[in-house]
């Protein structure tokens, strides 16, 4: 990690030694300064980073951490997502209390994180590992996001060709997942163009938005992408997709796959169709690129579907992401 600005999609760190933990702390401090977090909150951020990485070094298997900026309105904060594959904790609530330890240490790590963080969430299962997400803001945190996700580049790459975005336009919540063709910088250029075009797209149905994105990507190598609109009052979800984007509605433990048509946005003249699906009050939308296996089952993670969308997305990426491709997951719950 150099002194360069941290990109919005963030940087992943493998945390297996105290040296790596020190690197994460220094990077977090630089990001706090980059975002003008203020001296006091940057110091709090450094404590959170140190405790998260210390827990990964001492207790975790295959620990990794994502560091990235988060923005809401005119404010910016720092987000960290700590992920490991074991041994996990039977009761994360108990483990986050000061004085609790599984290794004979003081056991103040998670308690310190909880005190310094503006917002946090966590999920753990014995034998499966732990996911912990934390945000540090300069003042009061914004409300919980209704849609959240994360991406991870192909092993050995620094740029990720997968991306996601969410917006509410004319009261209509919409989300996008994009997978730039191939991987690396040119794939990232295609997805960056898709995200920018989505944010600026005029209000319209998912089909109309996908057609707009297709035109906007003509100068790129193209992308597989999909747009969903969540209409909670109407109990419907509208969806239009091109290429290998997987989308699933999970409602009351049941999965319903959504239909994406063959094609590449930005190339040739693809057929774009919009499909309509039932969307219940407690339904959850999970979308991901082909760098994530679709063999996940939220029923295997009791209570996870009720937690924050980011926590769910990080857990799916941990257990179903593949290392031979870029990977991205978005989870949304209609606001």
Protein backbone atom coordinates (compact mmCIF):
# COMPACT_ATOMS: atom_id res chain seq x y z
CA UNK A 1 0.00 0.00 0.00
CA UNK A 2 1.50 3.36 -1.09
CA UNK A 3 0.40 6.86 -0.20
CA UNK A 4 -1.91 6.93 -3.23
CA UNK A 5 -5.62 7.61 -2.61
CA UNK A 6 -7.69 4.53 -1.81
CA UNK A 7 -10.15 3.85 -4.68
CA UNK A 8 -13.87 3.65 -3.95
CA UNK A 9 -13.90 -0.11 -4.50
CA UNK A 10 -11.26 -0.35 -1.78
CA UNK A 11 -8.18 -2.49 -1.20
CA UNK A 12 -8.06 -6.06 0.08
CA UNK A 13 -5.36 -7.11 2.56
CA UNK A 14 -4.40 -10.64 3.54
CA UNK A 15 -3.86 -10.49 7.31
CA UNK A 16 -1.76 -13.39 8.57
CA UNK A 17 0.98 -11.65 10.57
CA UNK A 18 1.52 -8.66 12.81
CA UNK A 19 3.40 -6.97 9.96
CA UNK A 20 0.31 -7.14 7.75
CA UNK A 21 -1.80 -5.81 10.62
CA UNK A 22 0.50 -2.79 10.95
CA UNK A 23 0.16 -2.14 7.24
CA UNK A 24 -3.65 -2.10 7.49
CA UNK A 25 -3.54 0.34 10.41
CA UNK A 26 -1.27 2.74 8.53
CA UNK A 27 -3.43 2.51 5.41
CA UNK A 28 -6.56 3.23 7.48
CA UNK A 29 -4.90 6.30 8.99
CA UNK A 30 -3.98 7.55 5.50
CA UNK A 31 -7.52 7.02 4.30
CA UNK A 32 -8.89 8.89 7.33
CA UNK A 33 -6.64 11.83 6.44
CA UNK A 34 -7.61 11.56 2.76
CA UNK A 35 -11.30 11.87 3.71
CA UNK A 36 -10.71 14.64 6.29
CA UNK A 37 -12.08 12.47 9.07
CA UNK A 38 -10.44 14.64 11.74
CA UNK A 39 -7.68 13.83 14.20
CA UNK A 40 -9.91 12.33 16.90
CA UNK A 41 -11.90 10.06 14.61
CA UNK A 42 -8.79 9.05 12.68
CA UNK A 43 -7.27 7.95 15.99
CA UNK A 44 -10.46 5.98 16.72
CA UNK A 45 -10.19 4.45 13.24
CA UNK A 46 -6.62 3.36 13.95
CA UNK A 47 -7.80 1.57 17.11
CA UNK A 48 -10.55 -0.22 15.19
CA UNK A 49 -8.11 -1.27 12.44
CA UNK A 50 -5.58 -2.51 15.00
CA UNK A 51 -8.14 -4.57 16.91
CA UNK A 52 -9.77 -6.04 13.81
CA UNK A 53 -6.44 -7.14 12.36
CA UNK A 54 -5.17 -8.37 15.74
CA UNK A 55 -8.21 -10.63 15.99
CA UNK A 56 -7.53 -11.97 12.48
CA UNK A 57 -3.88 -12.70 13.31
CA UNK A 58 -4.60 -14.35 16.67
CA UNK A 59 -7.83 -16.23 16.09
CA UNK A 60 -8.66 -16.58 12.38
CA UNK A 61 -7.93 -18.87 9.46
CA UNK A 62 -7.41 -17.24 6.04
CA UNK A 63 -8.14 -13.76 7.38
CA UNK A 64 -8.61 -10.92 4.89
CA UNK A 65 -9.76 -7.33 5.30
CA UNK A 66 -11.29 -4.84 2.88
CA UNK A 67 -10.60 -1.14 3.50
CA UNK A 68 -12.59 1.43 1.52
CA UNK A 69 -14.26 4.84 1.70
CA UNK A 70 -18.03 5.12 2.09
CA UNK A 71 -20.12 8.16 1.22
CA UNK A 72 -23.58 9.44 2.04
CA UNK A 73 -24.71 12.84 0.86
CA UNK A 74 -21.84 15.22 1.45
CA UNK A 75 -20.20 13.12 4.17
CA UNK A 76 -17.49 10.47 3.85
CA UNK A 77 -16.41 7.75 6.25
CA UNK A 78 -14.23 4.65 6.32
CA UNK A 79 -15.48 1.08 6.13
CA UNK A 80 -13.66 -2.14 6.98
CA UNK A 81 -14.88 -5.66 6.29
CA UNK A 82 -12.96 -8.37 8.16
CA UNK A 83 -13.53 -11.91 6.89
CA UNK A 84 -12.17 -15.27 7.99
CA UNK A 85 -12.94 -18.95 7.50
CA UNK A 86 -12.71 -20.20 11.08
CA UNK A 87 -12.88 -21.26 13.80
CA UNK A 88 -15.80 -18.89 14.39
CA UNK A 89 -17.64 -18.00 17.58
CA UNK A 90 -20.71 -19.63 19.05
CA UNK A 91 -22.02 -16.29 20.40
CA UNK A 92 -20.66 -13.12 18.80
CA UNK A 93 -22.64 -10.93 21.24
CA UNK A 94 -20.85 -12.46 24.21
CA UNK A 95 -17.49 -12.33 22.44
CA UNK A 96 -17.84 -8.58 21.83
CA UNK A 97 -18.11 -7.84 25.56
CA UNK A 98 -15.01 -6.61 27.38
CA UNK A 99 -13.31 -9.33 29.39
CA UNK A 100 -14.40 -12.23 27.18
CA UNK A 101 -11.55 -14.16 25.60
CA UNK A 102 -11.14 -17.48 23.86
CA UNK A 103 -7.33 -17.53 24.16
CA UNK A 104 -6.57 -16.30 27.68
CA UNK A 105 -5.91 -12.67 26.61
CA UNK A 106 -7.68 -9.65 28.09
CA UNK A 107 -10.53 -10.02 25.61
CA UNK A 108 -11.05 -6.28 25.02
CA UNK A 109 -10.63 -6.32 21.21
CA UNK A 110 -14.20 -6.57 19.97
CA UNK A 111 -15.41 -4.39 22.83
CA UNK A 112 -13.00 -1.65 21.75
CA UNK A 113 -14.21 -1.95 18.16
CA UNK A 114 -17.82 -1.58 19.24
CA UNK A 115 -17.03 1.54 21.30
CA UNK A 116 -15.02 3.34 18.62
CA UNK A 117 -17.13 2.43 15.58
CA UNK A 118 -20.00 4.57 14.29
CA UNK A 119 -21.78 1.43 13.07
CA UNK A 120 -20.95 -2.28 13.07
CA UNK A 121 -22.48 -5.66 12.37
CA UNK A 122 -21.17 -9.18 12.62
CA UNK A 123 -22.03 -12.79 11.98
CA UNK A 124 -20.21 -15.91 13.12
CA UNK A 125 -20.76 -19.65 13.23
CA UNK A 126 -18.56 -22.21 14.92
CA UNK A 127 -16.50 -24.00 12.32
CA UNK A 128 -17.52 -21.60 9.52
CA UNK A 129 -15.75 -18.38 10.46
CA UNK A 130 -16.67 -14.77 11.15
CA UNK A 131 -17.56 -11.67 9.15
CA UNK A 132 -17.36 -8.30 10.89
CA UNK A 133 -18.21 -4.98 9.21
CA UNK A 134 -17.40 -1.59 10.73
CA UNK A 135 -17.85 2.03 9.71
CA UNK A 136 -16.20 5.10 11.24
CA UNK A 137 -17.75 8.49 10.38
CA UNK A 138 -16.68 11.97 11.49
CA UNK A 139 -20.07 12.56 13.14
CA UNK A 140 -23.36 10.67 13.41
CA UNK A 141 -23.56 7.80 10.89
CA UNK A 142 -26.21 7.81 8.16
CA UNK A 143 -29.06 5.31 8.31
CA UNK A 144 -28.42 1.69 7.38
CA UNK A 145 -28.07 1.14 3.65
CA UNK A 146 -30.90 -0.71 1.93
CA UNK A 147 -28.46 -2.08 -0.65
CA UNK A 148 -24.78 -2.91 -0.26
CA UNK A 149 -22.13 -5.04 -1.86
CA UNK A 150 -18.44 -5.64 -2.38
CA UNK A 151 -16.07 -6.78 -5.10
CA UNK A 152 -12.78 -8.63 -5.15
CA UNK A 153 -10.31 -8.70 -8.07
CA UNK A 154 -8.86 -11.82 -9.62
CA UNK A 155 -5.87 -13.04 -7.62
CA UNK A 156 -2.82 -11.11 -8.77
CA UNK A 157 -4.79 -8.13 -10.14
CA UNK A 158 -5.21 -4.71 -8.53
CA UNK A 159 -8.22 -3.54 -10.58
CA UNK A 160 -11.57 -5.31 -10.47
CA UNK A 161 -13.84 -5.47 -13.50
CA UNK A 162 -16.95 -6.09 -11.39
CA UNK A 163 -18.99 -3.33 -9.80
CA UNK A 164 -22.36 -2.36 -8.38
CA UNK A 165 -24.43 0.73 -7.67
CA UNK A 166 -27.74 1.68 -6.09
CA UNK A 167 -29.96 4.72 -6.53
CA UNK A 168 -33.45 5.98 -5.78
CA UNK A 169 -34.89 7.96 -8.68
CA UNK A 170 -38.41 9.41 -8.52
CA UNK A 171 -38.99 7.25 -5.45
CA UNK A 172 -37.99 4.07 -7.32
CA UNK A 173 -35.15 2.04 -5.73
CA UNK A 174 -32.91 0.54 -8.42
CA UNK A 175 -29.69 -1.47 -8.31
CA UNK A 176 -27.07 -2.40 -10.91
CA UNK A 177 -24.46 -5.15 -11.06
CA UNK A 178 -21.88 -5.04 -13.85
CA UNK A 179 -19.15 -7.46 -14.97
CA UNK A 180 -16.75 -5.91 -17.48
CA UNK A 181 -15.70 -8.36 -20.18
CA UNK A 182 -12.57 -10.23 -19.09
CA UNK A 183 -10.66 -8.83 -16.12
CA UNK A 184 -8.08 -6.21 -15.25
CA UNK A 185 -7.94 -2.50 -16.18
CA UNK A 186 -9.98 -2.67 -19.42
CA UNK A 187 -12.75 -4.62 -17.71
CA UNK A 188 -12.71 -2.01 -14.93
CA UNK A 189 -13.04 0.79 -17.51
CA UNK A 190 -16.19 -0.85 -18.91
CA UNK A 191 -17.75 -1.27 -15.49
CA UNK A 192 -16.79 2.26 -14.41
CA UNK A 193 -18.60 3.55 -17.51
CA UNK A 194 -21.66 1.46 -16.63
CA UNK A 195 -21.74 2.77 -13.05
CA UNK A 196 -21.41 6.39 -14.17
CA UNK A 197 -24.13 5.98 -16.80
CA UNK A 198 -26.43 4.30 -14.28
CA UNK A 199 -26.08 7.12 -11.75
CA UNK A 200 -26.89 9.71 -14.43
CA UNK A 201 -29.55 7.70 -16.29
CA UNK A 202 -32.98 9.30 -16.57
CA UNK A 203 -35.79 7.77 -14.54
CA UNK A 204 -37.16 4.74 -16.29
CA UNK A 205 -37.89 1.05 -16.05
CA UNK A 206 -35.02 -1.48 -15.77
CA UNK A 207 -35.39 -2.23 -19.50
CA UNK A 208 -35.04 1.47 -20.35
CA UNK A 209 -32.01 1.82 -18.06
CA UNK A 210 -30.28 -1.26 -19.54
CA UNK A 211 -30.81 0.14 -23.05
CA UNK A 212 -29.28 3.43 -21.87
CA UNK A 213 -26.27 1.57 -20.44
CA UNK A 214 -25.85 -0.38 -23.68
CA UNK A 215 -25.46 2.87 -25.60
CA UNK A 216 -23.12 4.34 -22.98
CA UNK A 217 -20.74 1.35 -23.18
CA UNK A 218 -20.23 1.47 -26.95
CA UNK A 219 -16.67 2.83 -26.55
CA UNK A 220 -15.64 0.05 -24.13
CA UNK A 221 -15.04 -3.70 -24.43
CA UNK A 222 -18.57 -4.18 -23.01
CA UNK A 223 -20.07 -5.79 -19.93
CA UNK A 224 -22.61 -8.25 -18.66
CA UNK A 225 -25.01 -6.29 -16.47
CA UNK A 226 -28.43 -6.31 -14.88
CA UNK A 227 -30.76 -3.74 -13.33
CA UNK A 228 -33.48 -4.46 -10.78
CA UNK A 229 -36.19 -2.18 -9.40
CA UNK A 230 -37.69 -3.01 -6.01
CA UNK A 231 -41.33 -1.99 -5.57
CA UNK A 232 -42.17 -2.91 -2.00
CA UNK A 233 -45.59 -1.14 -1.88
CA UNK A 234 -46.60 -2.92 -5.08
CA UNK A 235 -45.08 -6.22 -3.99
CA UNK A 236 -43.20 -6.53 -7.29
CA UNK A 237 -39.62 -6.63 -8.56
CA UNK A 238 -38.83 -5.61 -12.13
CA UNK A 239 -35.65 -6.93 -13.71
CA UNK A 240 -33.71 -6.72 -16.97
CA UNK A 241 -30.30 -8.30 -17.56
CA UNK A 242 -27.74 -9.13 -20.25
CA UNK A 243 -25.15 -11.86 -19.88
CA UNK A 244 -23.93 -13.87 -16.91
CA UNK A 245 -25.31 -11.92 -13.98
CA UNK A 246 -27.07 -14.16 -11.46
CA UNK A 247 -29.99 -12.72 -9.52
CA UNK A 248 -32.16 -14.43 -6.92
CA UNK A 249 -35.05 -13.35 -4.72
CA UNK A 250 -35.01 -15.06 -1.33
CA UNK A 251 -38.36 -14.93 0.45
CA UNK A 252 -39.30 -16.98 3.49
CA UNK A 253 -36.41 -19.36 2.79
CA UNK A 254 -37.42 -19.98 -0.84
CA UNK A 255 -35.24 -19.00 -3.80
CA UNK A 256 -36.50 -17.69 -7.13
CA UNK A 257 -33.96 -17.18 -9.91
CA UNK A 258 -34.38 -14.19 -12.25
CA UNK A 259 -33.90 -14.34 -16.02
CA UNK A 260 -31.02 -12.55 -17.82
CA UNK A 261 -30.84 -12.78 -21.60
CA UNK A 262 -27.68 -13.56 -23.61
CA UNK A 263 -25.72 -10.52 -24.73
CA UNK A 264 -23.03 -7.97 -23.93
CA UNK A 265 -23.96 -4.38 -23.19
CA UNK A 266 -22.10 -2.07 -25.57
CA UNK A 267 -21.78 -4.65 -28.36
CA UNK A 268 -24.04 -5.48 -31.33
CA UNK A 269 -27.74 -4.94 -30.69
CA UNK A 270 -28.88 -7.19 -27.84
CA UNK A 271 -32.49 -8.05 -27.11
CA UNK A 272 -33.51 -6.46 -23.80
CA UNK A 273 -36.61 -7.70 -22.01
CA UNK A 274 -38.00 -6.85 -18.62
CA UNK A 275 -39.48 -9.45 -16.28
CA UNK A 276 -41.82 -8.98 -13.33
CA UNK A 277 -41.60 -11.06 -10.13
CA UNK A 278 -43.41 -11.15 -6.78
CA UNK A 279 -41.48 -9.37 -4.03
CA UNK A 280 -42.69 -9.84 -0.46
CA UNK A 281 -42.26 -7.59 2.57
CA UNK A 282 -39.35 -9.64 3.93
CA UNK A 283 -37.81 -10.57 0.58
CA UNK A 284 -34.11 -10.15 -0.15
CA UNK A 285 -32.48 -9.67 -3.56
CA UNK A 286 -29.04 -11.22 -4.10
CA UNK A 287 -27.16 -10.41 -7.34
CA UNK A 288 -23.65 -11.50 -8.27
CA UNK A 289 -21.25 -11.93 -11.17
CA UNK A 290 -20.01 -15.25 -12.55
CA UNK A 291 -16.99 -14.99 -10.25
CA UNK A 292 -19.33 -16.23 -7.51
CA UNK A 293 -20.85 -19.72 -7.49
CA UNK A 294 -24.64 -19.80 -7.24
CA UNK A 295 -24.56 -22.79 -4.87
CA UNK A 296 -25.11 -20.63 -1.77
CA UNK A 297 -28.17 -21.16 0.43
CA UNK A 298 -29.07 -18.52 3.01
CA UNK A 299 -30.89 -21.26 4.92
CA UNK A 300 -27.41 -22.57 5.82
CA UNK A 301 -26.80 -19.34 7.79
CA UNK A 302 -29.54 -18.99 10.41
CA UNK A 303 -30.48 -15.37 10.99
CA UNK A 304 -28.14 -13.93 8.34
CA UNK A 305 -30.96 -12.79 6.04
CA UNK A 306 -32.18 -10.46 8.80
CA UNK A 307 -28.81 -8.72 9.17
CA UNK A 308 -27.36 -5.87 7.14
CA UNK A 309 -27.12 -6.36 3.34
CA UNK A 310 -23.35 -5.82 3.51
CA UNK A 311 -22.89 -8.62 6.03
CA UNK A 312 -24.87 -11.00 3.82
CA UNK A 313 -22.94 -10.00 0.71
CA UNK A 314 -19.57 -10.47 2.44
CA UNK A 315 -20.55 -13.93 3.70
CA UNK A 316 -21.68 -15.07 0.23
CA UNK A 317 -18.46 -13.75 -1.31
CA UNK A 318 -16.32 -15.51 1.31
CA UNK A 319 -17.93 -18.91 0.84
CA UNK A 320 -18.78 -18.86 -2.88
CA UNK A 321 -16.32 -16.48 -4.54
CA UNK A 322 -13.80 -18.07 -6.90
CA UNK A 323 -10.17 -16.95 -7.20
CA UNK A 324 -9.85 -17.44 -10.96
CA UNK A 325 -12.06 -14.43 -11.82
CA UNK A 326 -13.18 -11.07 -10.53
CA UNK A 327 -16.07 -11.47 -8.09
CA UNK A 328 -18.85 -9.15 -6.98
CA UNK A 329 -21.98 -9.50 -4.83
CA UNK A 330 -24.81 -7.07 -4.11
CA UNK A 331 -27.64 -7.62 -1.63
CA UNK A 332 -30.71 -5.38 -1.43
CA UNK A 333 -33.74 -5.11 0.81
CA UNK A 334 -36.36 -2.64 -0.45
CA UNK A 335 -36.42 0.55 1.64
